[in-house]
Amino acid sequence: MPDEDRIVLLFSEITLQKKAKDAFRIHEVLFEEAHDIMLYIKMDGRIVNANKRACDKYGYTREQLMSMNIQDIRHPFTAIEFEKQMEQADREGIVFESVHMRSDGTSFPVEVSAKSTFTEKGQFRIHIIRDITQRKETEEKIAWLAQYDTLTGIPNRANFISNLDEEIQRSKRSGMRFAAMLFDIDKFKYINDHHGHDAGDSVLRNVAVSAKQVLRSTDRIGRLGGDEFVVLQTGIKDCADVASLAKRIQTAVNETFTYKSVQFNIKISIGISIFPDDSKDANGLLYYADKAMYEVKRSGGGDFGFFVSCRTPCVEERLCLDKDSVMHV
């Protein structure tokens, strides 16, 4: 081979080596300074390299991580899914969510991008791992906002209706009865108009807290909107059960409430419908409870009344209305 060709070949080899070294350095920098956790993992799960982000997130030194197995930083409950995920990672790569453990025993949610690769040293898996704590918190907040009233913290209309529909199905199977109690605050508009919406909001929060405190764990409460609330009382034996809870709610709510040195004597009017006596669907139960509530208001408010014909001594026939009388109110 002529000397000129040898020189060109040698120069080409040097150039290729330099490019390879430069590429390796760039790769090292990208690996080390990456915002995400990066791990090189052998096929048996042993960690063979970890970047600075991994050390910071897991709370281990690089040497400690490189003496560990990927199983050591995964939450135990993810074991079954992990084996299937690694099989897919080896075939075509995979992105999945998991939970990883820190050195102090706390956990955090992660998104893992895993792929298998071959090098001169054998087959490895590369895991790029992102902490998704903030994303999960945002998702949970959005999910909460979709189900709960932001002012009072109790279930909103959609959530309550869903609970009501579920209770209807359970009661149809079990043959049990339940009550829907719809109530609002008497003269609430006066509070808003004369003392401001902040005062009104404070009253709403107080009513929600007070009413919730007297409910059983099996009962449900929700805010339908404005000053309108609804309670679902499950597993009732008779109208006396319902009347007893209605009285307890009124006693809890009908107390003097002070807001910025102004005293409010809160009163509520409660209308009650019974499943399946009055209706076998959610809309019907709320409609008839609403009718009963407005009949209570027409009679002066601050009391409770049934839409169903509960004319028994145990409830003293107090505002126990039949359907015909209410339908024509």
C-alpha atoms as a PDB file:
ATOM      1  CA  MET A   1       0.000   0.000   0.000  1.00  0.00           C
ATOM      2  CA  PRO A   2       1.471   3.365  -0.968  1.00  0.00           C
ATOM      3  CA  ASP A   3       2.504   5.629   1.889  1.00  0.00           C
ATOM      4  CA  GLU A   4      -0.069   8.179   0.848  1.00  0.00           C
ATOM      5  CA  ASP A   5      -2.869   5.612   1.252  1.00  0.00           C
ATOM      6  CA  ARG A   6      -1.533   4.524   4.631  1.00  0.00           C
ATOM      7  CA  ILE A   7      -1.533   8.140   5.785  1.00  0.00           C
ATOM      8  CA  VAL A   8      -5.114   8.642   4.578  1.00  0.00           C
ATOM      9  CA  LEU A   9      -6.253   5.395   6.244  1.00  0.00           C
ATOM     10  CA  LEU A  10      -4.502   6.278   9.503  1.00  0.00           C
ATOM     11  CA  PHE A  11      -6.017   9.747   9.437  1.00  0.00           C
ATOM     12  CA  SER A  12      -9.463   8.256   8.830  1.00  0.00           C
ATOM     13  CA  GLU A  13      -9.056   5.855  11.754  1.00  0.00           C
ATOM     14  CA  ILE A  14      -7.919   8.675  14.032  1.00  0.00           C
ATOM     15  CA  THR A  15     -10.878  10.782  12.895  1.00  0.00           C
ATOM     16  CA  LEU A  16     -13.323   7.942  13.566  1.00  0.00           C
ATOM     17  CA  GLN A  17     -11.799   7.302  16.991  1.00  0.00           C
ATOM     18  CA  LYS A  18     -12.029  10.994  17.832  1.00  0.00           C
ATOM     19  CA  LYS A  19     -15.653  11.108  16.727  1.00  0.00           C
ATOM     20  CA  ALA A  20     -16.400   8.025  18.794  1.00  0.00           C
ATOM     21  CA  LYS A  21     -14.719   9.549  21.850  1.00  0.00           C
ATOM     22  CA  ASP A  22     -16.562  12.833  21.327  1.00  0.00           C
ATOM     23  CA  ALA A  23     -19.864  10.994  20.979  1.00  0.00           C
ATOM     24  CA  PHE A  24     -19.110   9.007  24.138  1.00  0.00           C
ATOM     25  CA  ARG A  25     -18.295  12.190  26.069  1.00  0.00           C
ATOM     26  CA  ILE A  26     -21.516  13.811  24.871  1.00  0.00           C
ATOM     27  CA  HIS A  27     -23.421  10.700  25.898  1.00  0.00           C
ATOM     28  CA  GLU A  28     -21.777  10.769  29.333  1.00  0.00           C
ATOM     29  CA  VAL A  29     -22.704  14.422  29.828  1.00  0.00           C
ATOM     30  CA  LEU A  30     -26.293  13.848  28.710  1.00  0.00           C
ATOM     31  CA  PHE A  31     -26.549  10.784  30.946  1.00  0.00           C
ATOM     32  CA  GLU A  32     -25.083  12.485  33.991  1.00  0.00           C
ATOM     33  CA  GLU A  33     -26.891  15.819  33.680  1.00  0.00           C
ATOM     34  CA  ALA A  34     -30.283  14.485  32.544  1.00  0.00           C
ATOM     35  CA  HIS A  35     -33.278  15.900  34.399  1.00  0.00           C
ATOM     36  CA  ASP A  36     -34.770  12.392  34.572  1.00  0.00           C
ATOM     37  CA  ILE A  37     -33.410   9.392  36.436  1.00  0.00           C
ATOM     38  CA  MET A  38     -31.387   7.128  34.135  1.00  0.00           C
ATOM     39  CA  LEU A  39     -30.356   3.581  34.983  1.00  0.00           C
ATOM     40  CA  TYR A  40     -28.455   0.899  33.072  1.00  0.00           C
ATOM     41  CA  ILE A  41     -29.700  -2.472  34.225  1.00  0.00           C
ATOM     42  CA  LYS A  42     -28.490  -5.990  33.446  1.00  0.00           C
ATOM     43  CA  MET A  43     -31.028  -8.597  32.396  1.00  0.00           C
ATOM     44  CA  ASP A  44     -30.996 -10.101  35.888  1.00  0.00           C
ATOM     45  CA  GLY A  45     -31.989  -6.714  37.339  1.00  0.00           C
ATOM     46  CA  ARG A  46     -28.610  -5.575  38.667  1.00  0.00           C
ATOM     47  CA  ILE A  47     -28.020  -1.830  38.310  1.00  0.00           C
ATOM     48  CA  VAL A  48     -24.692  -1.209  36.556  1.00  0.00           C
ATOM     49  CA  ASN A  49     -24.858   2.564  36.241  1.00  0.00           C
ATOM     50  CA  ALA A  50     -26.927   5.427  37.610  1.00  0.00           C
ATOM     51  CA  ASN A  51     -26.833   9.148  36.953  1.00  0.00           C
ATOM     52  CA  LYS A  52     -26.729  12.030  39.432  1.00  0.00           C
ATOM     53  CA  ARG A  53     -30.508  12.503  39.294  1.00  0.00           C
ATOM     54  CA  ALA A  54     -30.983   8.898  40.406  1.00  0.00           C
ATOM     55  CA  CYS A  55     -28.735   9.454  43.417  1.00  0.00           C
ATOM     56  CA  ASP A  56     -30.617  12.629  44.349  1.00  0.00           C
ATOM     57  CA  LYS A  57     -34.077  11.081  43.973  1.00  0.00           C
ATOM     58  CA  TYR A  58     -33.453   7.750  45.657  1.00  0.00           C
ATOM     59  CA  GLY A  59     -31.132   9.050  48.374  1.00  0.00           C
ATOM     60  CA  TYR A  60     -28.313   6.599  47.625  1.00  0.00           C
ATOM     61  CA  THR A  61     -24.746   7.122  46.436  1.00  0.00           C
ATOM     62  CA  ARG A  62     -23.862   5.896  42.963  1.00  0.00           C
ATOM     63  CA  GLU A  63     -21.834   3.066  44.519  1.00  0.00           C
ATOM     64  CA  GLN A  64     -24.813   2.004  46.614  1.00  0.00           C
ATOM     65  CA  LEU A  65     -27.136   1.992  43.613  1.00  0.00           C
ATOM     66  CA  MET A  66     -24.635  -0.030  41.577  1.00  0.00           C
ATOM     67  CA  SER A  67     -24.661  -2.690  44.294  1.00  0.00           C
ATOM     68  CA  MET A  68     -28.456  -2.952  44.175  1.00  0.00           C
ATOM     69  CA  ASN A  69     -31.077  -4.675  42.056  1.00  0.00           C
ATOM     70  CA  ILE A  70     -33.925  -2.796  40.379  1.00  0.00           C
ATOM     71  CA  GLN A  71     -36.220  -4.858  42.626  1.00  0.00           C
ATOM     72  CA  ASP A  72     -34.752  -2.989  45.620  1.00  0.00           C
ATOM     73  CA  ILE A  73     -36.196   0.355  44.516  1.00  0.00           C
ATOM     74  CA  ARG A  74     -39.553  -0.831  43.205  1.00  0.00           C
ATOM     75  CA  HIS A  75     -42.554  -0.906  45.512  1.00  0.00           C
ATOM     76  CA  PRO A  76     -43.364  -4.561  46.356  1.00  0.00           C
ATOM     77  CA  PHE A  77     -46.957  -4.379  45.073  1.00  0.00           C
ATOM     78  CA  THR A  78     -45.712  -3.788  41.500  1.00  0.00           C
ATOM     79  CA  ALA A  79     -43.927  -7.179  41.227  1.00  0.00           C
ATOM     80  CA  ILE A  80     -46.445  -9.046  39.047  1.00  0.00           C
ATOM     81  CA  GLU A  81     -46.859  -6.209  36.559  1.00  0.00           C
ATOM     82  CA  PHE A  82     -43.098  -5.607  36.409  1.00  0.00           C
ATOM     83  CA  GLU A  83     -42.254  -9.031  34.961  1.00  0.00           C
ATOM     84  CA  LYS A  84     -44.764  -8.555  32.139  1.00  0.00           C
ATOM     85  CA  GLN A  85     -43.524  -5.016  31.533  1.00  0.00           C
ATOM     86  CA  MET A  86     -39.916  -6.185  31.188  1.00  0.00           C
ATOM     87  CA  GLU A  87     -40.953  -8.829  28.667  1.00  0.00           C
ATOM     88  CA  GLN A  88     -42.485  -6.085  26.542  1.00  0.00           C
ATOM     89  CA  ALA A  89     -39.459  -3.834  27.088  1.00  0.00           C
ATOM     90  CA  ASP A  90     -37.255  -6.576  25.637  1.00  0.00           C
ATOM     91  CA  ARG A  91     -39.507  -6.986  22.602  1.00  0.00           C
ATOM     92  CA  GLU A  92     -40.304  -3.433  21.604  1.00  0.00           C
ATOM     93  CA  GLY A  93     -39.862  -1.028  24.506  1.00  0.00           C
ATOM     94  CA  ILE A  94     -42.523   0.150  26.906  1.00  0.00           C
ATOM     95  CA  VAL A  95     -43.659   3.201  28.881  1.00  0.00           C
ATOM     96  CA  PHE A  96     -45.491   2.480  32.130  1.00  0.00           C
ATOM     97  CA  GLU A  97     -46.275   3.981  35.519  1.00  0.00           C
ATOM     98  CA  SER A  98     -44.970   2.521  38.756  1.00  0.00           C
ATOM     99  CA  VAL A  99     -44.025   3.398  42.326  1.00  0.00           C
ATOM    100  CA  HIS A 100     -40.404   3.575  43.502  1.00  0.00           C
ATOM    101  CA  MET A 101     -38.910   3.642  46.987  1.00  0.00           C
ATOM    102  CA  ARG A 102     -36.420   6.096  48.473  1.00  0.00           C
ATOM    103  CA  SER A 103     -33.696   5.129  50.920  1.00  0.00           C
ATOM    104  CA  ASP A 104     -35.782   6.515  53.815  1.00  0.00           C
ATOM    105  CA  GLY A 105     -38.681   4.175  53.026  1.00  0.00           C
ATOM    106  CA  THR A 106     -40.956   6.772  51.419  1.00  0.00           C
ATOM    107  CA  SER A 107     -42.342   6.209  47.935  1.00  0.00           C
ATOM    108  CA  PHE A 108     -43.106   8.341  44.897  1.00  0.00           C
ATOM    109  CA  PRO A 109     -44.936   7.725  41.598  1.00  0.00           C
ATOM    110  CA  VAL A 110     -42.851   7.405  38.438  1.00  0.00           C
ATOM    111  CA  GLU A 111     -43.210   7.020  34.702  1.00  0.00           C
ATOM    112  CA  VAL A 112     -40.702   4.522  33.337  1.00  0.00           C
ATOM    113  CA  SER A 113     -39.533   4.316  29.730  1.00  0.00           C
ATOM    114  CA  ALA A 114     -37.754   0.958  29.399  1.00  0.00           C
ATOM    115  CA  LYS A 115     -36.012  -0.561  26.405  1.00  0.00           C
ATOM    116  CA  SER A 116     -33.582  -3.402  25.865  1.00  0.00           C
ATOM    117  CA  THR A 117     -30.336  -2.779  23.960  1.00  0.00           C
ATOM    118  CA  PHE A 118     -27.238  -4.750  22.945  1.00  0.00           C
ATOM    119  CA  THR A 119     -23.640  -3.630  23.454  1.00  0.00           C
ATOM    120  CA  GLU A 120     -20.275  -5.319  23.183  1.00  0.00           C
ATOM    121  CA  LYS A 121     -20.665  -6.188  26.874  1.00  0.00           C
ATOM    122  CA  GLY A 122     -23.993  -7.927  26.365  1.00  0.00           C
ATOM    123  CA  GLN A 123     -27.692  -7.091  26.639  1.00  0.00           C
ATOM    124  CA  PHE A 124     -28.878  -4.317  28.946  1.00  0.00           C
ATOM    125  CA  ARG A 125     -32.059  -2.489  29.734  1.00  0.00           C
ATOM    126  CA  ILE A 126     -32.098   1.293  29.791  1.00  0.00           C
ATOM    127  CA  HIS A 127     -34.633   2.824  32.169  1.00  0.00           C
ATOM    128  CA  ILE A 128     -35.466   6.518  31.877  1.00  0.00           C
ATOM    129  CA  ILE A 129     -37.523   7.332  34.960  1.00  0.00           C
ATOM    130  CA  ARG A 130     -39.521  10.501  35.592  1.00  0.00           C
ATOM    131  CA  ASP A 131     -40.915  11.585  38.954  1.00  0.00           C
ATOM    132  CA  ILE A 132     -44.622  12.263  38.293  1.00  0.00           C
ATOM    133  CA  THR A 133     -45.605  13.334  41.809  1.00  0.00           C
ATOM    134  CA  GLN A 134     -46.773  16.768  40.643  1.00  0.00           C
ATOM    135  CA  ARG A 135     -48.715  15.287  37.736  1.00  0.00           C
ATOM    136  CA  LYS A 136     -50.465  12.825  40.040  1.00  0.00           C
ATOM    137  CA  GLU A 137     -51.308  15.583  42.516  1.00  0.00           C
ATOM    138  CA  THR A 138     -52.804  17.645  39.680  1.00  0.00           C
ATOM    139  CA  GLU A 139     -54.795  14.648  38.422  1.00  0.00           C
ATOM    140  CA  GLU A 140     -56.070  13.954  41.930  1.00  0.00           C
ATOM    141  CA  LYS A 141     -57.046  17.591  42.364  1.00  0.00           C
ATOM    142  CA  ILE A 142     -58.934  17.604  39.061  1.00  0.00           C
ATOM    143  CA  ALA A 143     -60.657  14.339  40.005  1.00  0.00           C
ATOM    144  CA  TRP A 144     -61.577  15.802  43.409  1.00  0.00           C
ATOM    145  CA  LEU A 145     -62.950  18.983  41.855  1.00  0.00           C
ATOM    146  CA  ALA A 146     -65.124  16.884  39.550  1.00  0.00           C
ATOM    147  CA  GLN A 147     -66.673  15.081  42.523  1.00  0.00           C
ATOM    148  CA  TYR A 148     -66.708  17.529  45.425  1.00  0.00           C
ATOM    149  CA  ASP A 149     -68.025  20.984  46.188  1.00  0.00           C
ATOM    150  CA  THR A 150     -65.082  23.358  46.588  1.00  0.00           C
ATOM    151  CA  LEU A 151     -66.818  25.557  49.159  1.00  0.00           C
ATOM    152  CA  THR A 152     -68.020  22.924  51.625  1.00  0.00           C
ATOM    153  CA  GLY A 153     -65.858  19.920  50.764  1.00  0.00           C
ATOM    154  CA  ILE A 154     -68.852  17.570  50.551  1.00  0.00           C
ATOM    155  CA  PRO A 155     -69.948  15.642  47.415  1.00  0.00           C
ATOM    156  CA  ASN A 156     -71.317  17.819  44.617  1.00  0.00           C
ATOM    157  CA  ARG A 157     -74.512  17.184  42.660  1.00  0.00           C
ATOM    158  CA  ALA A 158     -72.969  14.738  40.164  1.00  0.00           C
ATOM    159  CA  ASN A 159     -71.268  12.740  42.919  1.00  0.00           C
ATOM    160  CA  PHE A 160     -74.386  12.593  45.069  1.00  0.00           C
ATOM    161  CA  ILE A 161     -76.625  11.545  42.166  1.00  0.00           C
ATOM    162  CA  SER A 162     -74.145   8.761  41.419  1.00  0.00           C
ATOM    163  CA  ASN A 163     -74.319   7.632  45.069  1.00  0.00           C
ATOM    164  CA  LEU A 164     -78.103   7.840  44.940  1.00  0.00           C
ATOM    165  CA  ASP A 165     -78.272   5.697  41.785  1.00  0.00           C
ATOM    166  CA  GLU A 166     -76.003   3.101  43.393  1.00  0.00           C
ATOM    167  CA  GLU A 167     -78.157   3.019  46.525  1.00  0.00           C
ATOM    168  CA  ILE A 168     -81.274   2.532  44.401  1.00  0.00           C
ATOM    169  CA  GLN A 169     -79.722  -0.555  42.800  1.00  0.00           C
ATOM    170  CA  ARG A 170     -78.594  -1.937  46.183  1.00  0.00           C
ATOM    171  CA  SER A 171     -82.021  -1.346  47.710  1.00  0.00           C
ATOM    172  CA  LYS A 172     -83.776  -3.019  44.789  1.00  0.00           C
ATOM    173  CA  ARG A 173     -81.677  -6.132  45.396  1.00  0.00           C
ATOM    174  CA  SER A 174     -82.024  -6.096  49.186  1.00  0.00           C
ATOM    175  CA  GLY A 175     -85.621  -4.902  49.428  1.00  0.00           C
ATOM    176  CA  MET A 176     -84.580  -2.176  51.884  1.00  0.00           C
ATOM    177  CA  ARG A 177     -86.015   1.341  52.011  1.00  0.00           C
ATOM    178  CA  PHE A 178     -84.113   4.603  52.244  1.00  0.00           C
ATOM    179  CA  ALA A 179     -84.915   8.294  52.539  1.00  0.00           C
ATOM    180  CA  ALA A 180     -83.858  11.317  50.519  1.00  0.00           C
ATOM    181  CA  MET A 181     -83.881  14.510  52.606  1.00  0.00           C
ATOM    182  CA  LEU A 182     -83.622  17.745  50.683  1.00  0.00           C
ATOM    183  CA  PHE A 183     -83.166  20.948  52.656  1.00  0.00           C
ATOM    184  CA  ASP A 184     -82.187  24.552  52.202  1.00  0.00           C
ATOM    185  CA  ILE A 185     -81.546  27.515  54.482  1.00  0.00           C
ATOM    186  CA  ASP A 186     -84.526  29.689  55.302  1.00  0.00           C
ATOM    187  CA  LYS A 187     -84.041  33.340  54.301  1.00  0.00           C
ATOM    188  CA  PHE A 188     -80.590  32.634  52.885  1.00  0.00           C
ATOM    189  CA  LYS A 189     -81.055  35.314  50.228  1.00  0.00           C
ATOM    190  CA  TYR A 190     -81.455  37.884  53.000  1.00  0.00           C
ATOM    191  CA  ILE A 191     -78.071  36.864  54.449  1.00  0.00           C
ATOM    192  CA  ASN A 192     -76.355  37.255  51.073  1.00  0.00           C
ATOM    193  CA  ASP A 193     -78.077  40.540  50.245  1.00  0.00           C
ATOM    194  CA  HIS A 194     -77.536  42.232  53.622  1.00  0.00           C
ATOM    195  CA  HIS A 195     -74.271  40.735  54.875  1.00  0.00           C
ATOM    196  CA  GLY A 196     -72.460  39.808  51.674  1.00  0.00           C
ATOM    197  CA  HIS A 197     -71.522  36.590  49.925  1.00  0.00           C
ATOM    198  CA  ASP A 198     -68.591  35.936  52.258  1.00  0.00           C
ATOM    199  CA  ALA A 199     -71.055  35.703  55.130  1.00  0.00           C
ATOM    200  CA  GLY A 200     -73.298  33.482  53.025  1.00  0.00           C
ATOM    201  CA  ASP A 201     -70.378  31.196  52.152  1.00  0.00           C
ATOM    202  CA  SER A 202     -69.447  30.931  55.815  1.00  0.00           C
ATOM    203  CA  VAL A 203     -73.029  29.944  56.670  1.00  0.00           C
ATOM    204  CA  LEU A 204     -73.013  27.271  53.945  1.00  0.00           C
ATOM    205  CA  ARG A 205     -69.770  25.775  55.256  1.00  0.00           C
ATOM    206  CA  ASN A 206     -71.108  25.765  58.810  1.00  0.00           C
ATOM    207  CA  VAL A 207     -74.353  24.073  57.764  1.00  0.00           C
ATOM    208  CA  ALA A 208     -72.461  21.370  55.835  1.00  0.00           C
ATOM    209  CA  VAL A 209     -70.155  20.621  58.770  1.00  0.00           C
ATOM    210  CA  SER A 210     -72.975  20.606  61.332  1.00  0.00           C
ATOM    211  CA  ALA A 211     -75.250  18.343  59.279  1.00  0.00           C
ATOM    212  CA  LYS A 212     -72.449  15.923  58.442  1.00  0.00           C
ATOM    213  CA  GLN A 213     -71.556  15.453  62.108  1.00  0.00           C
ATOM    214  CA  VAL A 214     -74.880  13.781  62.949  1.00  0.00           C
ATOM    215  CA  LEU A 215     -74.868  11.332  60.031  1.00  0.00           C
ATOM    216  CA  ARG A 216     -73.890   7.674  60.237  1.00  0.00           C
ATOM    217  CA  SER A 217     -70.999   6.381  58.143  1.00  0.00           C
ATOM    218  CA  THR A 218     -73.511   4.723  55.803  1.00  0.00           C
ATOM    219  CA  ASP A 219     -75.439   7.952  55.173  1.00  0.00           C
ATOM    220  CA  ARG A 220     -74.479  10.425  52.461  1.00  0.00           C
ATOM    221  CA  ILE A 221     -74.676  14.203  52.149  1.00  0.00           C
ATOM    222  CA  GLY A 222     -74.249  16.430  49.118  1.00  0.00           C
ATOM    223  CA  ARG A 223     -74.669  19.998  47.982  1.00  0.00           C
ATOM    224  CA  LEU A 224     -76.913  20.293  44.938  1.00  0.00           C
ATOM    225  CA  GLY A 225     -76.162  23.988  44.415  1.00  0.00           C
ATOM    226  CA  GLY A 226     -76.807  27.341  46.054  1.00  0.00           C
ATOM    227  CA  ASP A 227     -78.073  26.724  49.590  1.00  0.00           C
ATOM    228  CA  GLU A 228     -79.669  23.400  48.666  1.00  0.00           C
ATOM    229  CA  PHE A 229     -78.354  20.259  50.381  1.00  0.00           C
ATOM    230  CA  VAL A 230     -79.475  16.645  50.303  1.00  0.00           C
ATOM    231  CA  VAL A 231     -78.988  13.694  52.653  1.00  0.00           C
ATOM    232  CA  LEU A 232     -79.331  10.025  51.779  1.00  0.00           C
ATOM    233  CA  GLN A 233     -80.381   7.955  54.818  1.00  0.00           C
ATOM    234  CA  THR A 234     -79.905   4.249  54.167  1.00  0.00           C
ATOM    235  CA  GLY A 235     -81.454   1.141  55.696  1.00  0.00           C
ATOM    236  CA  ILE A 236     -84.455   2.782  57.346  1.00  0.00           C
ATOM    237  CA  LYS A 237     -86.941   0.629  59.262  1.00  0.00           C
ATOM    238  CA  ASP A 238     -89.819   3.097  59.389  1.00  0.00           C
ATOM    239  CA  CYS A 239     -90.660   6.777  59.223  1.00  0.00           C
ATOM    240  CA  ALA A 240     -89.645   7.182  62.853  1.00  0.00           C
ATOM    241  CA  ASP A 241     -86.022   6.512  61.837  1.00  0.00           C
ATOM    242  CA  VAL A 242     -86.242   9.250  59.236  1.00  0.00           C
ATOM    243  CA  ALA A 243     -87.969  11.734  61.530  1.00  0.00           C
ATOM    244  CA  SER A 244     -85.310  11.129  64.178  1.00  0.00           C
ATOM    245  CA  LEU A 245     -82.464  11.973  61.796  1.00  0.00           C
ATOM    246  CA  ALA A 246     -84.320  15.002  60.412  1.00  0.00           C
ATOM    247  CA  LYS A 247     -84.668  16.334  63.969  1.00  0.00           C
ATOM    248  CA  ARG A 248     -80.981  15.713  64.695  1.00  0.00           C
ATOM    249  CA  ILE A 249     -79.964  17.584  61.557  1.00  0.00           C
ATOM    250  CA  GLN A 250     -82.187  20.511  62.487  1.00  0.00           C
ATOM    251  CA  THR A 251     -80.872  20.577  66.052  1.00  0.00           C
ATOM    252  CA  ALA A 252     -77.276  20.557  64.786  1.00  0.00           C
ATOM    253  CA  VAL A 253     -77.870  23.294  62.216  1.00  0.00           C
ATOM    254  CA  ASN A 254     -80.425  25.451  64.034  1.00  0.00           C
ATOM    255  CA  GLU A 255     -77.925  27.078  66.345  1.00  0.00           C
ATOM    256  CA  THR A 256     -76.781  30.670  66.587  1.00  0.00           C
ATOM    257  CA  PHE A 257     -73.887  31.197  64.214  1.00  0.00           C
ATOM    258  CA  THR A 258     -71.552  34.184  64.520  1.00  0.00           C
ATOM    259  CA  TYR A 259     -69.702  35.691  61.586  1.00  0.00           C
ATOM    260  CA  LYS A 260     -67.592  38.832  62.127  1.00  0.00           C
ATOM    261  CA  SER A 261     -69.540  39.742  65.280  1.00  0.00           C
ATOM    262  CA  VAL A 262     -72.885  39.288  63.467  1.00  0.00           C
ATOM    263  CA  GLN A 263     -75.146  36.570  64.875  1.00  0.00           C
ATOM    264  CA  PHE A 264     -77.295  34.468  62.558  1.00  0.00           C
ATOM    265  CA  ASN A 265     -80.113  32.253  63.786  1.00  0.00           C
ATOM    266  CA  ILE A 266     -79.984  29.577  61.107  1.00  0.00           C
ATOM    267  CA  LYS A 267     -83.126  27.618  60.279  1.00  0.00           C
ATOM    268  CA  ILE A 268     -83.592  24.970  57.603  1.00  0.00           C
ATOM    269  CA  SER A 269     -86.624  23.423  55.934  1.00  0.00           C
ATOM    270  CA  ILE A 270     -86.430  19.705  55.110  1.00  0.00           C
ATOM    271  CA  GLY A 271     -88.512  17.781  52.582  1.00  0.00           C
ATOM    272  CA  ILE A 272     -88.381  13.987  52.624  1.00  0.00           C
ATOM    273  CA  SER A 273     -89.181  11.297  50.057  1.00  0.00           C
ATOM    274  CA  ILE A 274     -88.943   7.535  50.554  1.00  0.00           C
ATOM    275  CA  PHE A 275     -87.678   4.797  48.232  1.00  0.00           C
ATOM    276  CA  PRO A 276     -89.557   2.933  46.826  1.00  0.00           C
ATOM    277  CA  ASP A 277     -92.812   4.408  48.198  1.00  0.00           C
ATOM    278  CA  ASP A 278     -92.573   7.733  46.361  1.00  0.00           C
ATOM    279  CA  SER A 279     -90.321   6.915  43.431  1.00  0.00           C
ATOM    280  CA  LYS A 280     -87.913   4.274  42.188  1.00  0.00           C
ATOM    281  CA  ASP A 281     -85.535   6.648  40.426  1.00  0.00           C
ATOM    282  CA  ALA A 282     -83.213   9.448  41.522  1.00  0.00           C
ATOM    283  CA  ASN A 283     -84.968  12.283  39.707  1.00  0.00           C
ATOM    284  CA  GLY A 284     -88.342  11.310  41.132  1.00  0.00           C
ATOM    285  CA  LEU A 285     -87.048  11.061  44.687  1.00  0.00           C
ATOM    286  CA  LEU A 286     -85.435  14.504  44.514  1.00  0.00           C
ATOM    287  CA  TYR A 287     -88.500  15.991  42.817  1.00  0.00           C
ATOM    288  CA  TYR A 288     -90.884  14.779  45.520  1.00  0.00           C
ATOM    289  CA  ALA A 289     -88.498  15.751  48.338  1.00  0.00           C
ATOM    290  CA  ASP A 290     -88.313  19.218  46.792  1.00  0.00           C
ATOM    291  CA  LYS A 291     -92.106  19.446  46.689  1.00  0.00           C
ATOM    292  CA  ALA A 292     -92.325  18.430  50.346  1.00  0.00           C
ATOM    293  CA  MET A 293     -89.667  20.989  51.304  1.00  0.00           C
ATOM    294  CA  TYR A 294     -91.556  23.849  49.681  1.00  0.00           C
ATOM    295  CA  GLU A 295     -94.743  22.792  51.433  1.00  0.00           C
ATOM    296  CA  VAL A 296     -92.790  23.086  54.706  1.00  0.00           C
ATOM    297  CA  LYS A 297     -91.693  26.586  53.683  1.00  0.00           C
ATOM    298  CA  ARG A 298     -95.291  27.532  52.866  1.00  0.00           C
ATOM    299  CA  SER A 299     -96.179  26.507  56.400  1.00  0.00           C
ATOM    300  CA  GLY A 300     -93.580  28.823  57.930  1.00  0.00           C
ATOM    301  CA  GLY A 301     -90.302  26.910  57.473  1.00  0.00           C
ATOM    302  CA  GLY A 302     -87.852  25.678  60.058  1.00  0.00           C
ATOM    303  CA  ASP A 303     -89.406  22.213  60.098  1.00  0.00           C
ATOM    304  CA  PHE A 304     -89.485  18.933  58.156  1.00  0.00           C
ATOM    305  CA  GLY A 305     -92.160  17.159  56.167  1.00  0.00           C
ATOM    306  CA  PHE A 306     -92.698  13.908  54.299  1.00  0.00           C
ATOM    307  CA  PHE A 307     -93.988  13.577  50.785  1.00  0.00           C
ATOM    308  CA  VAL A 308     -94.929   9.934  51.399  1.00  0.00           C
ATOM    309  CA  SER A 309     -98.065   9.050  53.412  1.00  0.00           C
ATOM    310  CA  CYS A 310     -96.305   8.464  56.740  1.00  0.00           C
ATOM    311  CA  ARG A 311     -99.374   9.185  58.834  1.00  0.00           C
ATOM    312  CA  THR A 312     -98.292   7.291  61.924  1.00  0.00           C
ATOM    313  CA  PRO A 313     -98.274   8.299  65.592  1.00  0.00           C
ATOM    314  CA  CYS A 314     -94.488   7.920  65.703  1.00  0.00           C
ATOM    315  CA  VAL A 315     -94.046  11.055  63.632  1.00  0.00           C
ATOM    316  CA  GLU A 316     -97.090  12.862  65.041  1.00  0.00           C
ATOM    317  CA  GLU A 317     -98.493  13.278  61.508  1.00  0.00           C
ATOM    318  CA  ARG A 318     -96.239  16.333  61.120  1.00  0.00           C
ATOM    319  CA  LEU A 319     -96.482  17.543  57.564  1.00  0.00           C
ATOM    320  CA  CYS A 320     -96.827  13.991  56.240  1.00  0.00           C
ATOM    321  CA  LEU A 321     -98.274  14.710  52.821  1.00  0.00           C
ATOM    322  CA  ASP A 322     -99.828  12.409  50.267  1.00  0.00           C
ATOM    323  CA  LYS A 323     -98.907  12.632  46.605  1.00  0.00           C
ATOM    324  CA  ASP A 324    -102.156  14.233  45.470  1.00  0.00           C
ATOM    325  CA  SER A 325    -101.911  17.087  47.964  1.00  0.00           C
ATOM    326  CA  VAL A 326     -98.341  17.908  46.993  1.00  0.00           C
ATOM    327  CA  MET A 327     -98.750  17.498  43.273  1.00  0.00           C
ATOM    328  CA  HIS A 328    -101.244  20.343  43.302  1.00  0.00           C
ATOM    329  CA  VAL A 329     -99.217  22.693  45.489  1.00  0.00           C
END
